[in-house]
Amino acid sequence: MFDKDSRYAKLPLREFIDPAGRSVAYVARRIIRPPEAPVASIKVQSGDRLDLIADRAYGEPRQFWRVADANPNADHTTLTEPPGRRLALNQIKPE
């Protein structure tokens, strides 16, 4: 259902039966654990987006969520501002 590198890939599928008796499959809730001590950081460059940062850090732009998870107190809408800011990374290589 999901790409093997997706943040949802390892989550179990659940089933909901609606009042009409129809089965609806859904993915269990993803619990974000408190961040570990950062193992590295990465410098935000002018014009960066989370996918560009993830590509530099992990070699895969779809791993943007790892950068966001490592910086949970930051406002995700401004995470890449200002240029020069350093963002924490909890892992160097994806699991």
PDB file of N, CA and C in Angstrom:
ATOM      1  N   MET A   1       0.827  -1.189   0.000  1.00  0.00           N
ATOM      2  CA  MET A   1       0.000   0.000   0.000  1.00  0.00           C
ATOM      3  C   MET A   1       0.874   1.257   0.000  1.00  0.00           C
ATOM      4  N   PHE A   2       1.915   1.286   0.840  1.00  0.00           N
ATOM      5  CA  PHE A   2       2.801   2.441   0.925  1.00  0.00           C
ATOM      6  C   PHE A   2       4.191   2.044   0.460  1.00  0.00           C
ATOM      7  N   ASP A   3       4.947   3.019  -0.041  1.00  0.00           N
ATOM      8  CA  ASP A   3       6.341   2.813  -0.398  1.00  0.00           C
ATOM      9  C   ASP A   3       7.089   2.358   0.849  1.00  0.00           C
ATOM     10  N   LYS A   4       8.103   1.514   0.698  1.00  0.00           N
ATOM     11  CA  LYS A   4       8.823   0.970   1.861  1.00  0.00           C
ATOM     12  C   LYS A   4       9.497   2.040   2.708  1.00  0.00           C
ATOM     13  N   ASP A   5       9.770   3.213   2.138  1.00  0.00           N
ATOM     14  CA  ASP A   5      10.405   4.298   2.881  1.00  0.00           C
ATOM     15  C   ASP A   5       9.403   5.276   3.483  1.00  0.00           C
ATOM     16  N   SER A   6       8.126   5.009   3.298  1.00  0.00           N
ATOM     17  CA  SER A   6       7.084   5.896   3.812  1.00  0.00           C
ATOM     18  C   SER A   6       7.028   5.851   5.333  1.00  0.00           C
ATOM     19  N   ARG A   7       6.642   6.974   5.922  1.00  0.00           N
ATOM     20  CA  ARG A   7       6.498   6.994   7.381  1.00  0.00           C
ATOM     21  C   ARG A   7       5.338   6.111   7.840  1.00  0.00           C
ATOM     22  N   TYR A   8       4.488   5.694   6.921  1.00  0.00           N
ATOM     23  CA  TYR A   8       3.340   4.857   7.261  1.00  0.00           C
ATOM     24  C   TYR A   8       3.554   3.376   6.932  1.00  0.00           C
ATOM     25  N   ALA A   9       4.680   3.039   6.311  1.00  0.00           N
ATOM     26  CA  ALA A   9       4.909   1.680   5.807  1.00  0.00           C
ATOM     27  C   ALA A   9       4.829   0.607   6.893  1.00  0.00           C
ATOM     28  N   LYS A  10       5.307   0.906   8.089  1.00  0.00           N
ATOM     29  CA  LYS A  10       5.359  -0.111   9.150  1.00  0.00           C
ATOM     30  C   LYS A  10       4.157  -0.072  10.082  1.00  0.00           C
ATOM     31  N   LEU A  11       3.217   0.807   9.804  1.00  0.00           N
ATOM     32  CA  LEU A  11       2.037   0.899  10.661  1.00  0.00           C
ATOM     33  C   LEU A  11       1.013  -0.163  10.277  1.00  0.00           C
ATOM     34  N   PRO A  12       0.314  -0.712  11.262  1.00  0.00           N
ATOM     35  CA  PRO A  12      -0.688  -1.726  10.952  1.00  0.00           C
ATOM     36  C   PRO A  12      -1.933  -1.104  10.313  1.00  0.00           C
ATOM     37  N   LEU A  13      -2.569  -1.897   9.476  1.00  0.00           N
ATOM     38  CA  LEU A  13      -3.851  -1.488   8.903  1.00  0.00           C
ATOM     39  C   LEU A  13      -4.954  -1.892   9.863  1.00  0.00           C
ATOM     40  N   ARG A  14      -5.931  -1.039   9.990  1.00  0.00           N
ATOM     41  CA  ARG A  14      -7.093  -1.303  10.840  1.00  0.00           C
ATOM     42  C   ARG A  14      -8.340  -1.300   9.962  1.00  0.00           C
ATOM     43  N   GLU A  15      -9.427  -1.759  10.536  1.00  0.00           N
ATOM     44  CA  GLU A  15     -10.688  -1.814   9.785  1.00  0.00           C
ATOM     45  C   GLU A  15     -11.797  -1.172  10.608  1.00  0.00           C
ATOM     46  N   PHE A  16     -12.586  -0.365   9.920  1.00  0.00           N
ATOM     47  CA  PHE A  16     -13.752   0.250  10.532  1.00  0.00           C
ATOM     48  C   PHE A  16     -14.973  -0.242   9.755  1.00  0.00           C
ATOM     49  N   ILE A  17     -15.986  -0.658  10.484  1.00  0.00           N
ATOM     50  CA  ILE A  17     -17.243  -1.067   9.851  1.00  0.00           C
ATOM     51  C   ILE A  17     -18.251   0.039  10.106  1.00  0.00           C
ATOM     52  N   ASP A  18     -18.711   0.689   9.040  1.00  0.00           N
ATOM     53  CA  ASP A  18     -19.653   1.794   9.204  1.00  0.00           C
ATOM     54  C   ASP A  18     -21.059   1.254   9.483  1.00  0.00           C
ATOM     55  N   PRO A  19     -21.996   2.122   9.864  1.00  0.00           N
ATOM     56  CA  PRO A  19     -23.346   1.667  10.214  1.00  0.00           C
ATOM     57  C   PRO A  19     -24.052   0.884   9.098  1.00  0.00           C
ATOM     58  N   ALA A  20     -23.665   1.120   7.851  1.00  0.00           N
ATOM     59  CA  ALA A  20     -24.270   0.390   6.729  1.00  0.00           C
ATOM     60  C   ALA A  20     -23.600  -0.962   6.521  1.00  0.00           C
ATOM     61  N   GLY A  21     -22.581  -1.275   7.330  1.00  0.00           N
ATOM     62  CA  GLY A  21     -21.910  -2.556   7.227  1.00  0.00           C
ATOM     63  C   GLY A  21     -20.731  -2.568   6.258  1.00  0.00           C
ATOM     64  N   ARG A  22     -20.373  -1.391   5.721  1.00  0.00           N
ATOM     65  CA  ARG A  22     -19.240  -1.325   4.790  1.00  0.00           C
ATOM     66  C   ARG A  22     -17.933  -1.295   5.573  1.00  0.00           C
ATOM     67  N   SER A  23     -16.949  -1.997   5.035  1.00  0.00           N
ATOM     68  CA  SER A  23     -15.621  -2.045   5.646  1.00  0.00           C
ATOM     69  C   SER A  23     -14.750  -0.939   5.056  1.00  0.00           C
ATOM     70  N   VAL A  24     -14.101  -0.186   5.941  1.00  0.00           N
ATOM     71  CA  VAL A  24     -13.197   0.879   5.513  1.00  0.00           C
ATOM     72  C   VAL A  24     -11.834   0.609   6.167  1.00  0.00           C
ATOM     73  N   ALA A  25     -10.813   0.431   5.342  1.00  0.00           N
ATOM     74  CA  ALA A  25      -9.470   0.199   5.866  1.00  0.00           C
ATOM     75  C   ALA A  25      -8.799   1.540   6.130  1.00  0.00           C
ATOM     76  N   TYR A  26      -8.009   1.588   7.203  1.00  0.00           N
ATOM     77  CA  TYR A  26      -7.249   2.794   7.508  1.00  0.00           C
ATOM     78  C   TYR A  26      -5.960   2.404   8.209  1.00  0.00           C
ATOM     79  N   VAL A  27      -5.036   3.330   8.231  1.00  0.00           N
ATOM     80  CA  VAL A  27      -3.740   3.086   8.861  1.00  0.00           C
ATOM     81  C   VAL A  27      -3.808   3.558  10.306  1.00  0.00           C
ATOM     82  N   ALA A  28      -3.246   2.753  11.187  1.00  0.00           N
ATOM     83  CA  ALA A  28      -3.220   3.118  12.598  1.00  0.00           C
ATOM     84  C   ALA A  28      -2.481   4.439  12.784  1.00  0.00           C
ATOM     85  N   ARG A  29      -2.787   5.105  13.837  1.00  0.00           N
ATOM     86  CA  ARG A  29      -2.177   6.398  14.149  1.00  0.00           C
ATOM     87  C   ARG A  29      -0.661   6.279  14.297  1.00  0.00           C
ATOM     88  N   ARG A  30       0.044   7.234  13.735  1.00  0.00           N
ATOM     89  CA  ARG A  30       1.511   7.265  13.849  1.00  0.00           C
ATOM     90  C   ARG A  30       1.879   8.079  15.081  1.00  0.00           C
ATOM     91  N   ILE A  31       2.523   7.436  16.040  1.00  0.00           N
ATOM     92  CA  ILE A  31       2.949   8.102  17.264  1.00  0.00           C
ATOM     93  C   ILE A  31       4.374   8.616  17.052  1.00  0.00           C
ATOM     94  N   ILE A  32       4.567   9.902  17.245  1.00  0.00           N
ATOM     95  CA  ILE A  32       5.893  10.485  17.116  1.00  0.00           C
ATOM     96  C   ILE A  32       6.523  10.498  18.498  1.00  0.00           C
ATOM     97  N   ARG A  33       7.588   9.740  18.633  1.00  0.00           N
ATOM     98  CA  ARG A  33       8.284   9.669  19.912  1.00  0.00           C
ATOM     99  C   ARG A  33       9.043  10.970  20.166  1.00  0.00           C
ATOM    100  N   PRO A  34       9.299  11.276  21.416  1.00  0.00           N
ATOM    101  CA  PRO A  34      10.121  12.456  21.701  1.00  0.00           C
ATOM    102  C   PRO A  34      11.459  12.317  20.973  1.00  0.00           C
ATOM    103  N   PRO A  35      11.982  13.414  20.480  1.00  0.00           N
ATOM    104  CA  PRO A  35      13.227  13.304  19.718  1.00  0.00           C
ATOM    105  C   PRO A  35      14.396  12.837  20.581  1.00  0.00           C
ATOM    106  N   GLU A  36      15.265  12.068  19.941  1.00  0.00           N
ATOM    107  CA  GLU A  36      16.500  11.651  20.588  1.00  0.00           C
ATOM    108  C   GLU A  36      17.437  12.852  20.567  1.00  0.00           C
ATOM    109  N   ALA A  37      18.554  12.717  21.240  1.00  0.00           N
ATOM    110  CA  ALA A  37      19.570  13.766  21.125  1.00  0.00           C
ATOM    111  C   ALA A  37      20.018  13.798  19.668  1.00  0.00           C
ATOM    112  N   PRO A  38      20.056  14.965  19.067  1.00  0.00           N
ATOM    113  CA  PRO A  38      20.450  15.030  17.654  1.00  0.00           C
ATOM    114  C   PRO A  38      21.834  14.424  17.436  1.00  0.00           C
ATOM    115  N   VAL A  39      21.971  13.676  16.352  1.00  0.00           N
ATOM    116  CA  VAL A  39      23.267  13.084  16.017  1.00  0.00           C
ATOM    117  C   VAL A  39      24.015  13.950  15.009  1.00  0.00           C
ATOM    118  N   ALA A  40      23.293  14.864  14.383  1.00  0.00           N
ATOM    119  CA  ALA A  40      23.904  15.750  13.393  1.00  0.00           C
ATOM    120  C   ALA A  40      22.994  16.954  13.195  1.00  0.00           C
ATOM    121  N   SER A  41      23.464  17.885  12.427  1.00  0.00           N
ATOM    122  CA  SER A  41      22.624  19.010  12.039  1.00  0.00           C
ATOM    123  C   SER A  41      22.945  19.353  10.595  1.00  0.00           C
ATOM    124  N   ILE A  42      22.066  20.127   9.998  1.00  0.00           N
ATOM    125  CA  ILE A  42      22.248  20.525   8.608  1.00  0.00           C
ATOM    126  C   ILE A  42      21.903  21.998   8.486  1.00  0.00           C
ATOM    127  N   LYS A  43      22.653  22.700   7.697  1.00  0.00           N
ATOM    128  CA  LYS A  43      22.465  24.135   7.528  1.00  0.00           C
ATOM    129  C   LYS A  43      21.461  24.408   6.411  1.00  0.00           C
ATOM    130  N   VAL A  44      20.476  25.265   6.713  1.00  0.00           N
ATOM    131  CA  VAL A  44      19.467  25.658   5.722  1.00  0.00           C
ATOM    132  C   VAL A  44      20.105  26.636   4.747  1.00  0.00           C
ATOM    133  N   GLN A  45      19.927  26.357   3.460  1.00  0.00           N
ATOM    134  CA  GLN A  45      20.443  27.225   2.411  1.00  0.00           C
ATOM    135  C   GLN A  45      19.310  28.073   1.851  1.00  0.00           C
ATOM    136  N   SER A  46      19.641  29.173   1.241  1.00  0.00           N
ATOM    137  CA  SER A  46      18.638  30.054   0.640  1.00  0.00           C
ATOM    138  C   SER A  46      17.817  29.264  -0.383  1.00  0.00           C
ATOM    139  N   GLY A  47      16.506  29.373  -0.286  1.00  0.00           N
ATOM    140  CA  GLY A  47      15.608  28.678  -1.212  1.00  0.00           C
ATOM    141  C   GLY A  47      15.332  27.236  -0.852  1.00  0.00           C
ATOM    142  N   ASP A  48      15.838  26.778   0.292  1.00  0.00           N
ATOM    143  CA  ASP A  48      15.628  25.393   0.705  1.00  0.00           C
ATOM    144  C   ASP A  48      14.170  25.101   1.013  1.00  0.00           C
ATOM    145  N   ARG A  49      13.802  23.847   0.763  1.00  0.00           N
ATOM    146  CA  ARG A  49      12.534  23.269   1.196  1.00  0.00           C
ATOM    147  C   ARG A  49      12.893  21.993   1.953  1.00  0.00           C
ATOM    148  N   LEU A  50      11.954  21.460   2.707  1.00  0.00           N
ATOM    149  CA  LEU A  50      12.255  20.250   3.476  1.00  0.00           C
ATOM    150  C   LEU A  50      12.675  19.083   2.590  1.00  0.00           C
ATOM    151  N   ASP A  51      12.095  18.965   1.400  1.00  0.00           N
ATOM    152  CA  ASP A  51      12.482  17.858   0.525  1.00  0.00           C
ATOM    153  C   ASP A  51      13.925  18.007   0.044  1.00  0.00           C
ATOM    154  N   LEU A  52      14.382  19.236  -0.184  1.00  0.00           N
ATOM    155  CA  LEU A  52      15.762  19.458  -0.611  1.00  0.00           C
ATOM    156  C   LEU A  52      16.735  19.150   0.526  1.00  0.00           C
ATOM    157  N   ILE A  53      16.342  19.536   1.736  1.00  0.00           N
ATOM    158  CA  ILE A  53      17.172  19.246   2.908  1.00  0.00           C
ATOM    159  C   ILE A  53      17.249  17.736   3.133  1.00  0.00           C
ATOM    160  N   ALA A  54      16.120  17.050   3.019  1.00  0.00           N
ATOM    161  CA  ALA A  54      16.097  15.596   3.195  1.00  0.00           C
ATOM    162  C   ALA A  54      16.944  14.901   2.141  1.00  0.00           C
ATOM    163  N   ASP A  55      16.928  15.413   0.933  1.00  0.00           N
ATOM    164  CA  ASP A  55      17.746  14.820  -0.120  1.00  0.00           C
ATOM    165  C   ASP A  55      19.227  14.945   0.213  1.00  0.00           C
ATOM    166  N   ARG A  56      19.643  16.100   0.729  1.00  0.00           N
ATOM    167  CA  ARG A  56      21.046  16.274   1.130  1.00  0.00           C
ATOM    168  C   ARG A  56      21.397  15.395   2.324  1.00  0.00           C
ATOM    169  N   ALA A  57      20.490  15.302   3.292  1.00  0.00           N
ATOM    170  CA  ALA A  57      20.775  14.564   4.530  1.00  0.00           C
ATOM    171  C   ALA A  57      20.660  13.052   4.362  1.00  0.00           C
ATOM    172  N   TYR A  58      19.648  12.604   3.626  1.00  0.00           N
ATOM    173  CA  TYR A  58      19.334  11.175   3.551  1.00  0.00           C
ATOM    174  C   TYR A  58      19.435  10.587   2.154  1.00  0.00           C
ATOM    175  N   GLY A  59      19.652  11.456   1.157  1.00  0.00           N
ATOM    176  CA  GLY A  59      19.713  10.954  -0.215  1.00  0.00           C
ATOM    177  C   GLY A  59      18.358  10.616  -0.780  1.00  0.00           C
ATOM    178  N   GLU A  60      17.304  11.115  -0.155  1.00  0.00           N
ATOM    179  CA  GLU A  60      15.931  10.795  -0.580  1.00  0.00           C
ATOM    180  C   GLU A  60      14.998  11.923  -0.168  1.00  0.00           C
ATOM    181  N   PRO A  61      14.464  12.685  -1.129  1.00  0.00           N
ATOM    182  CA  PRO A  61      13.613  13.823  -0.777  1.00  0.00           C
ATOM    183  C   PRO A  61      12.323  13.444  -0.062  1.00  0.00           C
ATOM    184  N   ARG A  62      11.849  12.202  -0.251  1.00  0.00           N
ATOM    185  CA  ARG A  62      10.610  11.786   0.416  1.00  0.00           C
ATOM    186  C   ARG A  62      10.790  11.555   1.906  1.00  0.00           C
ATOM    187  N   GLN A  63      12.014  11.691   2.402  1.00  0.00           N
ATOM    188  CA  GLN A  63      12.288  11.537   3.832  1.00  0.00           C
ATOM    189  C   GLN A  63      12.173  12.871   4.576  1.00  0.00           C
ATOM    190  N   PHE A  64      11.520  13.856   3.956  1.00  0.00           N
ATOM    191  CA  PHE A  64      11.349  15.187   4.569  1.00  0.00           C
ATOM    192  C   PHE A  64      10.764  15.094   5.965  1.00  0.00           C
ATOM    193  N   TRP A  65       9.931  14.115   6.200  1.00  0.00           N
ATOM    194  CA  TRP A  65       9.267  13.980   7.492  1.00  0.00           C
ATOM    195  C   TRP A  65      10.264  13.673   8.612  1.00  0.00           C
ATOM    196  N   ARG A  66      11.408  13.062   8.289  1.00  0.00           N
ATOM    197  CA  ARG A  66      12.426  12.792   9.306  1.00  0.00           C
ATOM    198  C   ARG A  66      13.019  14.098   9.837  1.00  0.00           C
ATOM    199  N   VAL A  67      13.209  15.061   8.937  1.00  0.00           N
ATOM    200  CA  VAL A  67      13.726  16.373   9.349  1.00  0.00           C
ATOM    201  C   VAL A  67      12.693  17.054  10.245  1.00  0.00           C
ATOM    202  N   ALA A  68      11.433  17.019   9.843  1.00  0.00           N
ATOM    203  CA  ALA A  68      10.368  17.639  10.643  1.00  0.00           C
ATOM    204  C   ALA A  68      10.243  16.961  12.010  1.00  0.00           C
ATOM    205  N   ASP A  69      10.313  15.631  12.052  1.00  0.00           N
ATOM    206  CA  ASP A  69      10.204  14.907  13.322  1.00  0.00           C
ATOM    207  C   ASP A  69      11.362  15.237  14.260  1.00  0.00           C
ATOM    208  N   ALA A  70      12.538  15.523  13.711  1.00  0.00           N
ATOM    209  CA  ALA A  70      13.715  15.828  14.545  1.00  0.00           C
ATOM    210  C   ALA A  70      13.665  17.240  15.118  1.00  0.00           C
ATOM    211  N   ASN A  71      12.760  18.060  14.595  1.00  0.00           N
ATOM    212  CA  ASN A  71      12.625  19.452  15.042  1.00  0.00           C
ATOM    213  C   ASN A  71      11.165  19.725  15.425  1.00  0.00           C
ATOM    214  N   PRO A  72      10.633  18.984  16.417  1.00  0.00           N
ATOM    215  CA  PRO A  72       9.195  19.025  16.698  1.00  0.00           C
ATOM    216  C   PRO A  72       8.681  20.345  17.256  1.00  0.00           C
ATOM    217  N   ASN A  73       9.531  21.148  17.860  1.00  0.00           N
ATOM    218  CA  ASN A  73       9.059  22.408  18.433  1.00  0.00           C
ATOM    219  C   ASN A  73       9.083  23.553  17.441  1.00  0.00           C
ATOM    220  N   ALA A  74       9.616  23.301  16.266  1.00  0.00           N
ATOM    221  CA  ALA A  74       9.689  24.338  15.238  1.00  0.00           C
ATOM    222  C   ALA A  74       8.363  24.408  14.485  1.00  0.00           C
ATOM    223  N   ASP A  75       8.019  25.589  14.039  1.00  0.00           N
ATOM    224  CA  ASP A  75       6.815  25.775  13.222  1.00  0.00           C
ATOM    225  C   ASP A  75       7.109  25.210  11.844  1.00  0.00           C
ATOM    226  N   HIS A  76       6.377  24.170  11.451  1.00  0.00           N
ATOM    227  CA  HIS A  76       6.677  23.501  10.183  1.00  0.00           C
ATOM    228  C   HIS A  76       6.531  24.413   8.972  1.00  0.00           C
ATOM    229  N   THR A  77       5.757  25.480   9.095  1.00  0.00           N
ATOM    230  CA  THR A  77       5.575  26.382   7.951  1.00  0.00           C
ATOM    231  C   THR A  77       6.781  27.288   7.750  1.00  0.00           C
ATOM    232  N   THR A  78       7.610  27.431   8.774  1.00  0.00           N
ATOM    233  CA  THR A  78       8.791  28.295   8.665  1.00  0.00           C
ATOM    234  C   THR A  78      10.078  27.548   9.030  1.00  0.00           C
ATOM    235  N   LEU A  79      10.041  26.236   8.971  1.00  0.00           N
ATOM    236  CA  LEU A  79      11.179  25.423   9.384  1.00  0.00           C
ATOM    237  C   LEU A  79      12.441  25.731   8.583  1.00  0.00           C
ATOM    238  N   THR A  80      12.291  26.139   7.347  1.00  0.00           N
ATOM    239  CA  THR A  80      13.459  26.394   6.499  1.00  0.00           C
ATOM    240  C   THR A  80      13.853  27.871   6.472  1.00  0.00           C
ATOM    241  N   GLU A  81      13.355  28.635   7.409  1.00  0.00           N
ATOM    242  CA  GLU A  81      13.703  30.062   7.488  1.00  0.00           C
ATOM    243  C   GLU A  81      14.360  30.346   8.830  1.00  0.00           C
ATOM    244  N   PRO A  82      15.294  31.223   8.921  1.00  0.00           N
ATOM    245  CA  PRO A  82      15.992  31.932   7.856  1.00  0.00           C
ATOM    246  C   PRO A  82      17.137  31.072   7.318  1.00  0.00           C
ATOM    247  N   PRO A  83      17.644  31.391   6.122  1.00  0.00           N
ATOM    248  CA  PRO A  83      18.833  30.695   5.634  1.00  0.00           C
ATOM    249  C   PRO A  83      19.964  30.833   6.654  1.00  0.00           C
ATOM    250  N   GLY A  84      20.723  29.784   6.805  1.00  0.00           N
ATOM    251  CA  GLY A  84      21.794  29.767   7.798  1.00  0.00           C
ATOM    252  C   GLY A  84      21.403  29.054   9.079  1.00  0.00           C
ATOM    253  N   ARG A  85      20.107  28.909   9.305  1.00  0.00           N
ATOM    254  CA  ARG A  85      19.615  28.184  10.477  1.00  0.00           C
ATOM    255  C   ARG A  85      20.086  26.736  10.407  1.00  0.00           C
ATOM    256  N   ARG A  86      20.330  26.123  11.557  1.00  0.00           N
ATOM    257  CA  ARG A  86      20.722  24.715  11.597  1.00  0.00           C
ATOM    258  C   ARG A  86      19.537  23.894  12.105  1.00  0.00           C
ATOM    259  N   LEU A  87      19.252  22.819  11.399  1.00  0.00           N
ATOM    260  CA  LEU A  87      18.186  21.907  11.787  1.00  0.00           C
ATOM    261  C   LEU A  87      18.791  20.614  12.309  1.00  0.00           C
ATOM    262  N   ALA A  88      18.174  20.074  13.353  1.00  0.00           N
ATOM    263  CA  ALA A  88      18.638  18.822  13.950  1.00  0.00           C
ATOM    264  C   ALA A  88      18.292  17.651  13.044  1.00  0.00           C
ATOM    265  N   LEU A  89      19.133  16.628  13.097  1.00  0.00           N
ATOM    266  CA  LEU A  89      18.881  15.354  12.427  1.00  0.00           C
ATOM    267  C   LEU A  89      19.077  14.256  13.461  1.00  0.00           C
ATOM    268  N   ASN A  90      18.083  13.371  13.607  1.00  0.00           N
ATOM    269  CA  ASN A  90      18.195  12.278  14.564  1.00  0.00           C
ATOM    270  C   ASN A  90      18.904  11.071  13.987  1.00  0.00           C
ATOM    271  N   GLN A  91      18.922  10.973  12.678  1.00  0.00           N
ATOM    272  CA  GLN A  91      19.560   9.852  12.015  1.00  0.00           C
ATOM    273  C   GLN A  91      20.317  10.369  10.808  1.00  0.00           C
ATOM    274  N   ILE A  92      21.371   9.710  10.463  1.00  0.00           N
ATOM    275  CA  ILE A  92      22.082  10.064   9.251  1.00  0.00           C
ATOM    276  C   ILE A  92      21.488   9.302   8.079  1.00  0.00           C
ATOM    277  N   LYS A  93      21.207   8.015   8.283  1.00  0.00           N
ATOM    278  CA  LYS A  93      20.612   7.200   7.227  1.00  0.00           C
ATOM    279  C   LYS A  93      19.246   6.728   7.697  1.00  0.00           C
ATOM    280  N   PRO A  94      18.265   6.681   6.779  1.00  0.00           N
ATOM    281  CA  PRO A  94      16.938   6.190   7.163  1.00  0.00           C
ATOM    282  C   PRO A  94      17.030   4.741   7.642  1.00  0.00           C
ATOM    283  N   GLU A  95      16.055   4.362   8.468  1.00  0.00           N
ATOM    284  CA  GLU A  95      15.989   2.988   8.982  1.00  0.00           C
ATOM    285  C   GLU A  95      15.812   2.004   7.851  1.00  0.00           C
TER     286      GLU A  95
END
